[in-house]
PDB file of N, CA and C in Angstrom:
ATOM      1  N   MET A   1     -25.941  -3.480  15.322  1.00  0.00           N
ATOM      2  CA  MET A   1     -24.768  -3.765  16.120  1.00  0.00           C
ATOM      3  C   MET A   1     -24.148  -2.442  16.560  1.00  0.00           C
ATOM      4  N   SER A   2     -24.026  -2.257  17.834  1.00  0.00           N
ATOM      5  CA  SER A   2     -23.491  -1.026  18.393  1.00  0.00           C
ATOM      6  C   SER A   2     -22.121  -1.294  19.006  1.00  0.00           C
ATOM      7  N   VAL A   3     -21.158  -0.480  18.627  1.00  0.00           N
ATOM      8  CA  VAL A   3     -19.805  -0.604  19.155  1.00  0.00           C
ATOM      9  C   VAL A   3     -19.450   0.722  19.808  1.00  0.00           C
ATOM     10  N   SER A   4     -18.929   0.654  21.013  1.00  0.00           N
ATOM     11  CA  SER A   4     -18.612   1.891  21.720  1.00  0.00           C
ATOM     12  C   SER A   4     -17.357   2.533  21.144  1.00  0.00           C
ATOM     13  N   VAL A   5     -17.292   3.834  21.288  1.00  0.00           N
ATOM     14  CA  VAL A   5     -16.130   4.588  20.829  1.00  0.00           C
ATOM     15  C   VAL A   5     -14.887   4.141  21.592  1.00  0.00           C
ATOM     16  N   GLU A   6     -15.057   3.845  22.851  1.00  0.00           N
ATOM     17  CA  GLU A   6     -13.928   3.394  23.679  1.00  0.00           C
ATOM     18  C   GLU A   6     -13.357   2.071  23.158  1.00  0.00           C
ATOM     19  N   ALA A   7     -14.224   1.167  22.734  1.00  0.00           N
ATOM     20  CA  ALA A   7     -13.758  -0.112  22.194  1.00  0.00           C
ATOM     21  C   ALA A   7     -12.989   0.101  20.895  1.00  0.00           C
ATOM     22  N   ILE A   8     -13.468   1.003  20.075  1.00  0.00           N
ATOM     23  CA  ILE A   8     -12.773   1.304  18.821  1.00  0.00           C
ATOM     24  C   ILE A   8     -11.420   1.935  19.109  1.00  0.00           C
ATOM     25  N   ARG A   9     -11.378   2.860  20.076  1.00  0.00           N
ATOM     26  CA  ARG A   9     -10.118   3.514  20.440  1.00  0.00           C
ATOM     27  C   ARG A   9      -9.091   2.491  20.934  1.00  0.00           C
ATOM     28  N   ARG A  10      -9.517   1.556  21.767  1.00  0.00           N
ATOM     29  CA  ARG A  10      -8.596   0.519  22.261  1.00  0.00           C
ATOM     30  C   ARG A  10      -8.072  -0.342  21.118  1.00  0.00           C
ATOM     31  N   ARG A  11      -8.946  -0.663  20.185  1.00  0.00           N
ATOM     32  CA  ARG A  11      -8.527  -1.494  19.050  1.00  0.00           C
ATOM     33  C   ARG A  11      -7.525  -0.756  18.167  1.00  0.00           C
ATOM     34  N   VAL A  12      -7.771   0.525  17.920  1.00  0.00           N
ATOM     35  CA  VAL A  12      -6.845   1.335  17.117  1.00  0.00           C
ATOM     36  C   VAL A  12      -5.496   1.429  17.815  1.00  0.00           C
ATOM     37  N   GLU A  13      -5.498   1.673  19.112  1.00  0.00           N
ATOM     38  CA  GLU A  13      -4.240   1.765  19.861  1.00  0.00           C
ATOM     39  C   GLU A  13      -3.470   0.453  19.838  1.00  0.00           C
ATOM     40  N   SER A  14      -4.185  -0.667  19.888  1.00  0.00           N
ATOM     41  CA  SER A  14      -3.495  -1.959  19.887  1.00  0.00           C
ATOM     42  C   SER A  14      -2.805  -2.240  18.554  1.00  0.00           C
ATOM     43  N   HIS A  15      -3.318  -1.675  17.470  1.00  0.00           N
ATOM     44  CA  HIS A  15      -2.721  -1.904  16.152  1.00  0.00           C
ATOM     45  C   HIS A  15      -1.767  -0.794  15.727  1.00  0.00           C
ATOM     46  N   SER A  16      -1.764   0.319  16.426  1.00  0.00           N
ATOM     47  CA  SER A  16      -0.945   1.452  15.997  1.00  0.00           C
ATOM     48  C   SER A  16       0.546   1.155  16.089  1.00  0.00           C
ATOM     49  N   GLY A  17       0.951   0.306  17.011  1.00  0.00           N
ATOM     50  CA  GLY A  17       2.364  -0.060  17.112  1.00  0.00           C
ATOM     51  C   GLY A  17       2.855  -0.761  15.860  1.00  0.00           C
ATOM     52  N   PHE A  18       2.025  -1.644  15.317  1.00  0.00           N
ATOM     53  CA  PHE A  18       2.384  -2.355  14.086  1.00  0.00           C
ATOM     54  C   PHE A  18       2.565  -1.372  12.936  1.00  0.00           C
ATOM     55  N   VAL A  19       1.652  -0.424  12.821  1.00  0.00           N
ATOM     56  CA  VAL A  19       1.722   0.551  11.730  1.00  0.00           C
ATOM     57  C   VAL A  19       2.955   1.433  11.887  1.00  0.00           C
ATOM     58  N   SER A  20       3.260   1.832  13.103  1.00  0.00           N
ATOM     59  CA  SER A  20       4.450   2.660  13.343  1.00  0.00           C
ATOM     60  C   SER A  20       5.725   1.915  12.979  1.00  0.00           C
ATOM     61  N   ARG A  21       5.813   0.660  13.374  1.00  0.00           N
ATOM     62  CA  ARG A  21       6.999  -0.146  13.029  1.00  0.00           C
ATOM     63  C   ARG A  21       7.103  -0.343  11.525  1.00  0.00           C
ATOM     64  N   LEU A  22       5.974  -0.532  10.863  1.00  0.00           N
ATOM     65  CA  LEU A  22       5.958  -0.706   9.414  1.00  0.00           C
ATOM     66  C   LEU A  22       6.438   0.564   8.719  1.00  0.00           C
ATOM     67  N   ARG A  23       5.957   1.729   9.163  1.00  0.00           N
ATOM     68  CA  ARG A  23       6.414   3.009   8.597  1.00  0.00           C
ATOM     69  C   ARG A  23       7.918   3.169   8.783  1.00  0.00           C
ATOM     70  N   THR A  24       8.413   2.807   9.953  1.00  0.00           N
ATOM     71  CA  THR A  24       9.841   2.937  10.239  1.00  0.00           C
ATOM     72  C   THR A  24      10.667   2.046   9.324  1.00  0.00           C
ATOM     73  N   GLU A  25      10.251   0.804   9.142  1.00  0.00           N
ATOM     74  CA  GLU A  25      10.999  -0.129   8.299  1.00  0.00           C
ATOM     75  C   GLU A  25      10.998   0.317   6.842  1.00  0.00           C
ATOM     76  N   ILE A  26       9.871   0.769   6.333  1.00  0.00           N
ATOM     77  CA  ILE A  26       9.811   1.248   4.950  1.00  0.00           C
ATOM     78  C   ILE A  26      10.646   2.517   4.812  1.00  0.00           C
ATOM     79  N   GLY A  27      10.603   3.378   5.820  1.00  0.00           N
ATOM     80  CA  GLY A  27      11.370   4.621   5.800  1.00  0.00           C
ATOM     81  C   GLY A  27      12.871   4.412   5.792  1.00  0.00           C
ATOM     82  N   LYS A  28      13.336   3.245   6.226  1.00  0.00           N
ATOM     83  CA  LYS A  28      14.769   2.936   6.168  1.00  0.00           C
ATOM     84  C   LYS A  28      15.239   2.742   4.730  1.00  0.00           C
ATOM     85  N   VAL A  29      14.321   2.335   3.861  1.00  0.00           N
ATOM     86  CA  VAL A  29      14.668   2.059   2.462  1.00  0.00           C
ATOM     87  C   VAL A  29      14.259   3.214   1.556  1.00  0.00           C
ATOM     88  N   VAL A  30      13.075   3.748   1.763  1.00  0.00           N
ATOM     89  CA  VAL A  30      12.535   4.819   0.927  1.00  0.00           C
ATOM     90  C   VAL A  30      12.669   6.129   1.704  1.00  0.00           C
ATOM     91  N   ILE A  31      13.516   7.011   1.214  1.00  0.00           N
ATOM     92  CA  ILE A  31      13.818   8.259   1.909  1.00  0.00           C
ATOM     93  C   ILE A  31      13.022   9.413   1.286  1.00  0.00           C
ATOM     94  N   GLY A  32      12.405  10.231   2.132  1.00  0.00           N
ATOM     95  CA  GLY A  32      11.759  11.454   1.661  1.00  0.00           C
ATOM     96  C   GLY A  32      10.389  11.292   1.046  1.00  0.00           C
ATOM     97  N   GLN A  33       9.756  10.154   1.225  1.00  0.00           N
ATOM     98  CA  GLN A  33       8.430   9.929   0.638  1.00  0.00           C
ATOM     99  C   GLN A  33       7.425   9.534   1.725  1.00  0.00           C
ATOM    100  N   GLU A  34       7.458  10.225   2.853  1.00  0.00           N
ATOM    101  CA  GLU A  34       6.596   9.871   3.982  1.00  0.00           C
ATOM    102  C   GLU A  34       5.113   9.937   3.624  1.00  0.00           C
ATOM    103  N   TYR A  35       4.722  10.962   2.871  1.00  0.00           N
ATOM    104  CA  TYR A  35       3.315  11.105   2.499  1.00  0.00           C
ATOM    105  C   TYR A  35       2.856   9.919   1.647  1.00  0.00           C
ATOM    106  N   MET A  36       3.681   9.517   0.675  1.00  0.00           N
ATOM    107  CA  MET A  36       3.332   8.375  -0.165  1.00  0.00           C
ATOM    108  C   MET A  36       3.241   7.104   0.682  1.00  0.00           C
ATOM    109  N   ILE A  37       4.162   6.925   1.607  1.00  0.00           N
ATOM    110  CA  ILE A  37       4.145   5.745   2.470  1.00  0.00           C
ATOM    111  C   ILE A  37       2.868   5.732   3.312  1.00  0.00           C
ATOM    112  N   ASP A  38       2.499   6.892   3.853  1.00  0.00           N
ATOM    113  CA  ASP A  38       1.265   6.974   4.641  1.00  0.00           C
ATOM    114  C   ASP A  38       0.051   6.579   3.808  1.00  0.00           C
ATOM    115  N   LEU A  39      -0.010   7.052   2.572  1.00  0.00           N
ATOM    116  CA  LEU A  39      -1.154   6.721   1.719  1.00  0.00           C
ATOM    117  C   LEU A  39      -1.157   5.250   1.319  1.00  0.00           C
ATOM    118  N   LEU A  40       0.017   4.670   1.116  1.00  0.00           N
ATOM    119  CA  LEU A  40       0.087   3.231   0.851  1.00  0.00           C
ATOM    120  C   LEU A  40      -0.456   2.438   2.037  1.00  0.00           C
ATOM    121  N   LEU A  41      -0.103   2.859   3.238  1.00  0.00           N
ATOM    122  CA  LEU A  41      -0.585   2.171   4.433  1.00  0.00           C
ATOM    123  C   LEU A  41      -2.087   2.354   4.620  1.00  0.00           C
ATOM    124  N   VAL A  42      -2.608   3.520   4.261  1.00  0.00           N
ATOM    125  CA  VAL A  42      -4.059   3.730   4.321  1.00  0.00           C
ATOM    126  C   VAL A  42      -4.756   2.761   3.370  1.00  0.00           C
ATOM    127  N   GLY A  43      -4.236   2.631   2.153  1.00  0.00           N
ATOM    128  CA  GLY A  43      -4.809   1.685   1.201  1.00  0.00           C
ATOM    129  C   GLY A  43      -4.750   0.260   1.710  1.00  0.00           C
ATOM    130  N   LEU A  44      -3.640  -0.105   2.335  1.00  0.00           N
ATOM    131  CA  LEU A  44      -3.481  -1.450   2.885  1.00  0.00           C
ATOM    132  C   LEU A  44      -4.474  -1.690   4.022  1.00  0.00           C
ATOM    133  N   LEU A  45      -4.548  -0.760   4.958  1.00  0.00           N
ATOM    134  CA  LEU A  45      -5.429  -0.926   6.116  1.00  0.00           C
ATOM    135  C   LEU A  45      -6.903  -0.874   5.741  1.00  0.00           C
ATOM    136  N   ALA A  46      -7.226  -0.157   4.663  1.00  0.00           N
ATOM    137  CA  ALA A  46      -8.613  -0.063   4.210  1.00  0.00           C
ATOM    138  C   ALA A  46      -8.983  -1.207   3.273  1.00  0.00           C
ATOM    139  N   ASN A  47      -8.021  -2.104   3.024  1.00  0.00           N
ATOM    140  CA  ASN A  47      -8.239  -3.228   2.109  1.00  0.00           C
ATOM    141  C   ASN A  47      -8.664  -2.710   0.732  1.00  0.00           C
ATOM    142  N   GLY A  48      -7.977  -1.658   0.286  1.00  0.00           N
ATOM    143  CA  GLY A  48      -8.330  -1.016  -0.973  1.00  0.00           C
ATOM    144  C   GLY A  48      -7.228  -1.107  -2.005  1.00  0.00           C
ATOM    145  N   HIS A  49      -7.321  -0.253  -2.987  1.00  0.00           N
ATOM    146  CA  HIS A  49      -6.361  -0.195  -4.076  1.00  0.00           C
ATOM    147  C   HIS A  49      -5.670   1.159  -4.069  1.00  0.00           C
ATOM    148  N   VAL A  50      -4.442   1.178  -4.562  1.00  0.00           N
ATOM    149  CA  VAL A  50      -3.677   2.414  -4.653  1.00  0.00           C
ATOM    150  C   VAL A  50      -3.075   2.491  -6.044  1.00  0.00           C
ATOM    151  N   LEU A  51      -3.251   3.614  -6.716  1.00  0.00           N
ATOM    152  CA  LEU A  51      -2.622   3.860  -8.007  1.00  0.00           C
ATOM    153  C   LEU A  51      -1.536   4.896  -7.794  1.00  0.00           C
ATOM    154  N   LEU A  52      -0.297   4.514  -8.072  1.00  0.00           N
ATOM    155  CA  LEU A  52       0.831   5.432  -7.939  1.00  0.00           C
ATOM    156  C   LEU A  52       1.211   5.941  -9.317  1.00  0.00           C
ATOM    157  N   GLU A  53       1.150   7.239  -9.482  1.00  0.00           N
ATOM    158  CA  GLU A  53       1.549   7.870 -10.731  1.00  0.00           C
ATOM    159  C   GLU A  53       2.635   8.885 -10.435  1.00  0.00           C
ATOM    160  N   GLY A  54       3.546   9.050 -11.368  1.00  0.00           N
ATOM    161  CA  GLY A  54       4.588  10.046 -11.197  1.00  0.00           C
ATOM    162  C   GLY A  54       5.710   9.830 -12.184  1.00  0.00           C
ATOM    163  N   VAL A  55       6.591  10.802 -12.239  1.00  0.00           N
ATOM    164  CA  VAL A  55       7.731  10.708 -13.144  1.00  0.00           C
ATOM    165  C   VAL A  55       8.674   9.613 -12.656  1.00  0.00           C
ATOM    166  N   PRO A  56       9.519   9.104 -13.542  1.00  0.00           N
ATOM    167  CA  PRO A  56      10.471   8.073 -13.123  1.00  0.00           C
ATOM    168  C   PRO A  56      11.412   8.584 -12.037  1.00  0.00           C
ATOM    169  N   GLY A  57      11.790   7.679 -11.157  1.00  0.00           N
ATOM    170  CA  GLY A  57      12.785   8.007 -10.148  1.00  0.00           C
ATOM    171  C   GLY A  57      12.245   8.465  -8.812  1.00  0.00           C
ATOM    172  N   LEU A  58      10.940   8.351  -8.582  1.00  0.00           N
ATOM    173  CA  LEU A  58      10.365   8.790  -7.311  1.00  0.00           C
ATOM    174  C   LEU A  58      10.212   7.653  -6.302  1.00  0.00           C
ATOM    175  N   ALA A  59      10.765   6.504  -6.591  1.00  0.00           N
ATOM    176  CA  ALA A  59      10.761   5.335  -5.695  1.00  0.00           C
ATOM    177  C   ALA A  59       9.381   4.714  -5.529  1.00  0.00           C
ATOM    178  N   LYS A  60       8.543   4.815  -6.551  1.00  0.00           N
ATOM    179  CA  LYS A  60       7.211   4.220  -6.474  1.00  0.00           C
ATOM    180  C   LYS A  60       7.306   2.701  -6.373  1.00  0.00           C
ATOM    181  N   THR A  61       8.042   2.096  -7.281  1.00  0.00           N
ATOM    182  CA  THR A  61       8.192   0.646  -7.281  1.00  0.00           C
ATOM    183  C   THR A  61       8.930   0.180  -6.037  1.00  0.00           C
ATOM    184  N   LEU A  62       9.971   0.882  -5.661  1.00  0.00           N
ATOM    185  CA  LEU A  62      10.739   0.515  -4.470  1.00  0.00           C
ATOM    186  C   LEU A  62       9.866   0.563  -3.222  1.00  0.00           C
ATOM    187  N   ALA A  63       9.003   1.557  -3.112  1.00  0.00           N
ATOM    188  CA  ALA A  63       8.136   1.681  -1.941  1.00  0.00           C
ATOM    189  C   ALA A  63       7.171   0.507  -1.833  1.00  0.00           C
ATOM    190  N   VAL A  64       6.547   0.144  -2.939  1.00  0.00           N
ATOM    191  CA  VAL A  64       5.581  -0.949  -2.909  1.00  0.00           C
ATOM    192  C   VAL A  64       6.297  -2.282  -2.692  1.00  0.00           C
ATOM    193  N   LYS A  65       7.439  -2.454  -3.321  1.00  0.00           N
ATOM    194  CA  LYS A  65       8.207  -3.683  -3.132  1.00  0.00           C
ATOM    195  C   LYS A  65       8.656  -3.818  -1.676  1.00  0.00           C
ATOM    196  N   THR A  66       9.095  -2.733  -1.082  1.00  0.00           N
ATOM    197  CA  THR A  66       9.523  -2.745   0.314  1.00  0.00           C
ATOM    198  C   THR A  66       8.348  -3.025   1.243  1.00  0.00           C
ATOM    199  N   LEU A  67       7.194  -2.433   0.965  1.00  0.00           N
ATOM    200  CA  LEU A  67       5.995  -2.702   1.760  1.00  0.00           C
ATOM    201  C   LEU A  67       5.631  -4.182   1.690  1.00  0.00           C
ATOM    202  N   ALA A  68       5.666  -4.745   0.498  1.00  0.00           N
ATOM    203  CA  ALA A  68       5.346  -6.165   0.338  1.00  0.00           C
ATOM    204  C   ALA A  68       6.312  -7.039   1.134  1.00  0.00           C
ATOM    205  N   GLN A  69       7.593  -6.723   1.087  1.00  0.00           N
ATOM    206  CA  GLN A  69       8.572  -7.494   1.851  1.00  0.00           C
ATOM    207  C   GLN A  69       8.346  -7.342   3.349  1.00  0.00           C
ATOM    208  N   ALA A  70       7.983  -6.140   3.789  1.00  0.00           N
ATOM    209  CA  ALA A  70       7.800  -5.880   5.217  1.00  0.00           C
ATOM    210  C   ALA A  70       6.626  -6.657   5.800  1.00  0.00           C
ATOM    211  N   ILE A  71       5.624  -6.953   4.983  1.00  0.00           N
ATOM    212  CA  ILE A  71       4.466  -7.697   5.479  1.00  0.00           C
ATOM    213  C   ILE A  71       4.441  -9.122   4.931  1.00  0.00           C
ATOM    214  N   SER A  72       5.581  -9.572   4.405  1.00  0.00           N
ATOM    215  CA  SER A  72       5.752 -10.953   3.920  1.00  0.00           C
ATOM    216  C   SER A  72       4.753 -11.314   2.830  1.00  0.00           C
ATOM    217  N   CYS A  73       4.596 -10.428   1.860  1.00  0.00           N
ATOM    218  CA  CYS A  73       3.720 -10.683   0.717  1.00  0.00           C
ATOM    219  C   CYS A  73       4.553 -10.766  -0.556  1.00  0.00           C
ATOM    220  N   SER A  74       3.939 -11.287  -1.591  1.00  0.00           N
ATOM    221  CA  SER A  74       4.625 -11.329  -2.882  1.00  0.00           C
ATOM    222  C   SER A  74       4.435  -9.989  -3.592  1.00  0.00           C
ATOM    223  N   PHE A  75       5.299  -9.730  -4.550  1.00  0.00           N
ATOM    224  CA  PHE A  75       5.265  -8.472  -5.291  1.00  0.00           C
ATOM    225  C   PHE A  75       5.414  -8.781  -6.763  1.00  0.00           C
ATOM    226  N   GLN A  76       4.528  -8.227  -7.572  1.00  0.00           N
ATOM    227  CA  GLN A  76       4.640  -8.313  -9.019  1.00  0.00           C
ATOM    228  C   GLN A  76       4.314  -6.948  -9.590  1.00  0.00           C
ATOM    229  N   ARG A  77       5.069  -6.567 -10.585  1.00  0.00           N
ATOM    230  CA  ARG A  77       4.912  -5.247 -11.187  1.00  0.00           C
ATOM    231  C   ARG A  77       4.333  -5.395 -12.583  1.00  0.00           C
ATOM    232  N   ILE A  78       3.424  -4.490 -12.939  1.00  0.00           N
ATOM    233  CA  ILE A  78       2.848  -4.457 -14.282  1.00  0.00           C
ATOM    234  C   ILE A  78       3.194  -3.114 -14.897  1.00  0.00           C
ATOM    235  N   GLN A  79       3.801  -3.152 -16.064  1.00  0.00           N
ATOM    236  CA  GLN A  79       4.125  -1.922 -16.781  1.00  0.00           C
ATOM    237  C   GLN A  79       2.901  -1.510 -17.591  1.00  0.00           C
ATOM    238  N   PHE A  80       2.315  -0.396 -17.250  1.00  0.00           N
ATOM    239  CA  PHE A  80       1.140   0.071 -17.975  1.00  0.00           C
ATOM    240  C   PHE A  80       1.549   0.694 -19.301  1.00  0.00           C
ATOM    241  N   THR A  81       0.755   0.423 -20.318  1.00  0.00           N
ATOM    242  CA  THR A  81       0.961   0.966 -21.652  1.00  0.00           C
ATOM    243  C   THR A  81      -0.385   1.484 -22.154  1.00  0.00           C
ATOM    244  N   PRO A  82      -0.382   2.328 -23.180  1.00  0.00           N
ATOM    245  CA  PRO A  82      -1.656   2.865 -23.684  1.00  0.00           C
ATOM    246  C   PRO A  82      -2.620   1.793 -24.191  1.00  0.00           C
ATOM    247  N   ASP A  83      -2.108   0.652 -24.629  1.00  0.00           N
ATOM    248  CA  ASP A  83      -2.980  -0.377 -25.178  1.00  0.00           C
ATOM    249  C   ASP A  83      -3.280  -1.501 -24.182  1.00  0.00           C
ATOM    250  N   LEU A  84      -3.036  -1.294 -22.900  1.00  0.00           N
ATOM    251  CA  LEU A  84      -3.299  -2.300 -21.881  1.00  0.00           C
ATOM    252  C   LEU A  84      -4.802  -2.518 -21.743  1.00  0.00           C
ATOM    253  N   LEU A  85      -5.216  -3.774 -21.742  1.00  0.00           N
ATOM    254  CA  LEU A  85      -6.627  -4.131 -21.626  1.00  0.00           C
ATOM    255  C   LEU A  85      -6.896  -4.787 -20.274  1.00  0.00           C
ATOM    256  N   PRO A  86      -8.152  -4.763 -19.809  1.00  0.00           N
ATOM    257  CA  PRO A  86      -8.469  -5.460 -18.560  1.00  0.00           C
ATOM    258  C   PRO A  86      -8.074  -6.932 -18.588  1.00  0.00           C
ATOM    259  N   ALA A  87      -8.191  -7.562 -19.744  1.00  0.00           N
ATOM    260  CA  ALA A  87      -7.822  -8.973 -19.858  1.00  0.00           C
ATOM    261  C   ALA A  87      -6.343  -9.192 -19.565  1.00  0.00           C
ATOM    262  N   ASP A  88      -5.523  -8.195 -19.822  1.00  0.00           N
ATOM    263  CA  ASP A  88      -4.100  -8.311 -19.529  1.00  0.00           C
ATOM    264  C   ASP A  88      -3.848  -8.398 -18.024  1.00  0.00           C
ATOM    265  N   LEU A  89      -4.745  -7.845 -17.231  1.00  0.00           N
ATOM    266  CA  LEU A  89      -4.592  -7.853 -15.778  1.00  0.00           C
ATOM    267  C   LEU A  89      -5.274  -9.033 -15.112  1.00  0.00           C
ATOM    268  N   ILE A  90      -6.510  -9.314 -15.520  1.00  0.00           N
ATOM    269  CA  ILE A  90      -7.279 -10.334 -14.820  1.00  0.00           C
ATOM    270  C   ILE A  90      -7.487 -11.608 -15.627  1.00  0.00           C
ATOM    271  N   GLY A  91      -7.065 -11.627 -16.863  1.00  0.00           N
ATOM    272  CA  GLY A  91      -7.102 -12.848 -17.651  1.00  0.00           C
ATOM    273  C   GLY A  91      -8.423 -13.163 -18.310  1.00  0.00           C
ATOM    274  N   THR A  92      -9.322 -12.223 -18.413  1.00  0.00           N
ATOM    275  CA  THR A  92     -10.595 -12.459 -19.065  1.00  0.00           C
ATOM    276  C   THR A  92     -11.025 -11.190 -19.789  1.00  0.00           C
ATOM    277  N   LEU A  93     -11.921 -11.333 -20.723  1.00  0.00           N
ATOM    278  CA  LEU A  93     -12.411 -10.173 -21.459  1.00  0.00           C
ATOM    279  C   LEU A  93     -13.530  -9.493 -20.681  1.00  0.00           C
ATOM    280  N   VAL A  94     -13.397  -8.199 -20.464  1.00  0.00           N
ATOM    281  CA  VAL A  94     -14.408  -7.411 -19.764  1.00  0.00           C
ATOM    282  C   VAL A  94     -14.728  -6.212 -20.634  1.00  0.00           C
ATOM    283  N   TYR A  95     -16.002  -6.038 -20.978  1.00  0.00           N
ATOM    284  CA  TYR A  95     -16.416  -4.893 -21.787  1.00  0.00           C
ATOM    285  C   TYR A  95     -17.615  -4.233 -21.171  1.00  0.00           C
TER     286      TYR A  95
END
């Protein structure tokens, strides 16, 4: 399957407005974390996963919660601990 570069460019341009509006809306709530917001959006657009690590108070939870609200998704937070097992996340034993 061959797709022209021009077709890809048109598709990217058609979706870029949505991403710009999403960045703007998240930026209204989360101040000073543009790089983190960009990486969250990359994870979202790539249909991937994002692990946010950092000291308390960097708006990690607020950023993800705001992103979820902006795209009308649900949000649930998991507090990681040293003894957290895969079964705690997915409900089954994995070894």
